[in-house]
């Protein structure tokens, strides 16, 4: 005995209801808070290192640094993106030195 959806409209409606309900339940998005911080160079001629960035983040927030990526460009040579997990389990994306206004320039 074969079941086809054309012969059984109730089965078709039931399967559609289950599909929609599971997709709505699984449609849970997580938004990370983006924190933007300025940073100044310790030595004006030297770029900011990853260790300085990690030290600054650890002095402000309690938790684990998951990753640090240097996203430097010509206008933002000290831009770093950090993924950070707090002790309470909250996830943050931190951008340090990513605006030209935050860069200390020697004249």
C-alpha atoms as a PDB file:
ATOM      1  CA  UNK A   1       0.000   0.000   0.000  1.00  0.00           C
ATOM      2  CA  UNK A   2       1.509   3.289  -1.115  1.00  0.00           C
ATOM      3  CA  UNK A   3       0.793   6.645   0.454  1.00  0.00           C
ATOM      4  CA  UNK A   4       0.744   9.644  -1.830  1.00  0.00           C
ATOM      5  CA  UNK A   5       0.236  13.191  -0.709  1.00  0.00           C
ATOM      6  CA  UNK A   6      -2.348  13.836  -3.415  1.00  0.00           C
ATOM      7  CA  UNK A   7      -4.650  11.135  -2.043  1.00  0.00           C
ATOM      8  CA  UNK A   8      -4.196  12.142   1.608  1.00  0.00           C
ATOM      9  CA  UNK A   9      -4.665  15.892   2.117  1.00  0.00           C
ATOM     10  CA  UNK A  10      -4.668  15.529   5.928  1.00  0.00           C
ATOM     11  CA  UNK A  11      -1.261  13.849   5.817  1.00  0.00           C
ATOM     12  CA  UNK A  12      -0.011  16.648   3.573  1.00  0.00           C
ATOM     13  CA  UNK A  13      -1.289  19.297   5.989  1.00  0.00           C
ATOM     14  CA  UNK A  14       0.190  17.454   8.983  1.00  0.00           C
ATOM     15  CA  UNK A  15       3.627  17.185   7.338  1.00  0.00           C
ATOM     16  CA  UNK A  16       3.521  20.866   6.392  1.00  0.00           C
ATOM     17  CA  UNK A  17       2.635  21.805   9.970  1.00  0.00           C
ATOM     18  CA  UNK A  18       5.501  19.730  11.390  1.00  0.00           C
ATOM     19  CA  UNK A  19       7.962  21.184   8.871  1.00  0.00           C
ATOM     20  CA  UNK A  20       6.958  24.773   9.668  1.00  0.00           C
ATOM     21  CA  UNK A  21       6.995  24.265  13.427  1.00  0.00           C
ATOM     22  CA  UNK A  22      10.461  22.691  13.433  1.00  0.00           C
ATOM     23  CA  UNK A  23      11.843  25.416  11.180  1.00  0.00           C
ATOM     24  CA  UNK A  24      10.441  28.112  13.472  1.00  0.00           C
ATOM     25  CA  UNK A  25      11.898  26.444  16.550  1.00  0.00           C
ATOM     26  CA  UNK A  26      15.299  26.040  14.946  1.00  0.00           C
ATOM     27  CA  UNK A  27      15.275  29.632  13.635  1.00  0.00           C
ATOM     28  CA  UNK A  28      17.008  31.061  16.666  1.00  0.00           C
ATOM     29  CA  UNK A  29      19.623  33.680  15.891  1.00  0.00           C
ATOM     30  CA  UNK A  30      22.339  34.742  18.249  1.00  0.00           C
ATOM     31  CA  UNK A  31      23.611  38.274  18.031  1.00  0.00           C
ATOM     32  CA  UNK A  32      27.010  39.082  19.444  1.00  0.00           C
ATOM     33  CA  UNK A  33      27.533  42.460  21.001  1.00  0.00           C
ATOM     34  CA  UNK A  34      30.087  44.476  19.048  1.00  0.00           C
ATOM     35  CA  UNK A  35      32.313  46.613  21.259  1.00  0.00           C
ATOM     36  CA  UNK A  36      34.436  49.325  19.668  1.00  0.00           C
ATOM     37  CA  UNK A  37      37.466  50.551  21.634  1.00  0.00           C
ATOM     38  CA  UNK A  38      40.123  53.104  20.791  1.00  0.00           C
ATOM     39  CA  UNK A  39      43.753  52.321  21.495  1.00  0.00           C
ATOM     40  CA  UNK A  40      46.904  54.417  21.413  1.00  0.00           C
ATOM     41  CA  UNK A  41      50.338  53.215  20.437  1.00  0.00           C
ATOM     42  CA  UNK A  42      52.844  52.803  23.266  1.00  0.00           C
ATOM     43  CA  UNK A  43      55.699  53.613  20.885  1.00  0.00           C
ATOM     44  CA  UNK A  44      54.350  55.962  18.174  1.00  0.00           C
ATOM     45  CA  UNK A  45      56.488  54.489  15.391  1.00  0.00           C
ATOM     46  CA  UNK A  46      55.697  50.834  16.201  1.00  0.00           C
ATOM     47  CA  UNK A  47      52.362  49.167  15.334  1.00  0.00           C
ATOM     48  CA  UNK A  48      50.221  47.665  18.065  1.00  0.00           C
ATOM     49  CA  UNK A  49      50.959  43.980  18.686  1.00  0.00           C
ATOM     50  CA  UNK A  50      48.470  41.199  19.389  1.00  0.00           C
ATOM     51  CA  UNK A  51      49.860  40.854  22.924  1.00  0.00           C
ATOM     52  CA  UNK A  52      49.061  44.509  23.666  1.00  0.00           C
ATOM     53  CA  UNK A  53      45.547  44.012  22.335  1.00  0.00           C
ATOM     54  CA  UNK A  54      45.028  40.874  24.455  1.00  0.00           C
ATOM     55  CA  UNK A  55      46.381  42.679  27.529  1.00  0.00           C
ATOM     56  CA  UNK A  56      43.991  45.591  27.025  1.00  0.00           C
ATOM     57  CA  UNK A  57      40.951  43.342  26.577  1.00  0.00           C
ATOM     58  CA  UNK A  58      41.855  41.144  29.572  1.00  0.00           C
ATOM     59  CA  UNK A  59      42.286  44.247  31.772  1.00  0.00           C
ATOM     60  CA  UNK A  60      38.739  45.403  30.947  1.00  0.00           C
ATOM     61  CA  UNK A  61      36.749  42.145  30.663  1.00  0.00           C
ATOM     62  CA  UNK A  62      36.939  38.816  32.486  1.00  0.00           C
ATOM     63  CA  UNK A  63      36.958  35.762  30.262  1.00  0.00           C
ATOM     64  CA  UNK A  64      38.744  34.097  27.360  1.00  0.00           C
ATOM     65  CA  UNK A  65      40.089  35.562  24.151  1.00  0.00           C
ATOM     66  CA  UNK A  66      39.032  33.140  21.417  1.00  0.00           C
ATOM     67  CA  UNK A  67      40.799  34.772  18.493  1.00  0.00           C
ATOM     68  CA  UNK A  68      42.630  37.931  17.486  1.00  0.00           C
ATOM     69  CA  UNK A  69      42.850  38.950  13.836  1.00  0.00           C
ATOM     70  CA  UNK A  70      44.749  41.952  12.590  1.00  0.00           C
ATOM     71  CA  UNK A  71      42.584  43.761  10.035  1.00  0.00           C
ATOM     72  CA  UNK A  72      44.984  46.528   9.127  1.00  0.00           C
ATOM     73  CA  UNK A  73      44.538  48.776   6.126  1.00  0.00           C
ATOM     74  CA  UNK A  74      46.345  51.860   4.942  1.00  0.00           C
ATOM     75  CA  UNK A  75      43.999  54.146   6.883  1.00  0.00           C
ATOM     76  CA  UNK A  76      43.716  51.825   9.916  1.00  0.00           C
ATOM     77  CA  UNK A  77      47.098  50.172  10.525  1.00  0.00           C
ATOM     78  CA  UNK A  78      46.232  49.188  14.109  1.00  0.00           C
ATOM     79  CA  UNK A  79      42.793  47.633  13.563  1.00  0.00           C
ATOM     80  CA  UNK A  80      42.246  44.304  15.384  1.00  0.00           C
ATOM     81  CA  UNK A  81      39.104  42.152  15.591  1.00  0.00           C
ATOM     82  CA  UNK A  82      38.769  40.043  18.739  1.00  0.00           C
ATOM     83  CA  UNK A  83      36.314  37.256  19.538  1.00  0.00           C
ATOM     84  CA  UNK A  84      35.848  37.127  23.301  1.00  0.00           C
ATOM     85  CA  UNK A  85      33.865  34.844  25.610  1.00  0.00           C
ATOM     86  CA  UNK A  86      33.059  36.158  29.084  1.00  0.00           C
ATOM     87  CA  UNK A  87      33.059  33.970  32.181  1.00  0.00           C
ATOM     88  CA  UNK A  88      29.231  34.163  32.254  1.00  0.00           C
ATOM     89  CA  UNK A  89      29.088  32.760  28.704  1.00  0.00           C
ATOM     90  CA  UNK A  90      28.346  35.991  26.843  1.00  0.00           C
ATOM     91  CA  UNK A  91      30.051  36.300  23.463  1.00  0.00           C
ATOM     92  CA  UNK A  92      31.518  39.624  22.298  1.00  0.00           C
ATOM     93  CA  UNK A  93      33.107  40.815  19.099  1.00  0.00           C
ATOM     94  CA  UNK A  94      35.530  43.616  19.872  1.00  0.00           C
ATOM     95  CA  UNK A  95      37.051  46.026  17.390  1.00  0.00           C
ATOM     96  CA  UNK A  96      40.126  47.862  18.624  1.00  0.00           C
ATOM     97  CA  UNK A  97      41.640  50.821  16.806  1.00  0.00           C
ATOM     98  CA  UNK A  98      39.501  50.443  13.705  1.00  0.00           C
ATOM     99  CA  UNK A  99      38.748  54.111  13.041  1.00  0.00           C
ATOM    100  CA  UNK A 100      41.111  56.714  11.715  1.00  0.00           C
ATOM    101  CA  UNK A 101      40.101  59.114  14.516  1.00  0.00           C
ATOM    102  CA  UNK A 102      41.506  56.677  17.089  1.00  0.00           C
ATOM    103  CA  UNK A 103      44.971  56.480  15.568  1.00  0.00           C
ATOM    104  CA  UNK A 104      47.655  58.613  17.171  1.00  0.00           C
ATOM    105  CA  UNK A 105      49.657  60.187  14.390  1.00  0.00           C
ATOM    106  CA  UNK A 106      53.043  61.835  14.744  1.00  0.00           C
ATOM    107  CA  UNK A 107      53.492  65.066  12.878  1.00  0.00           C
END
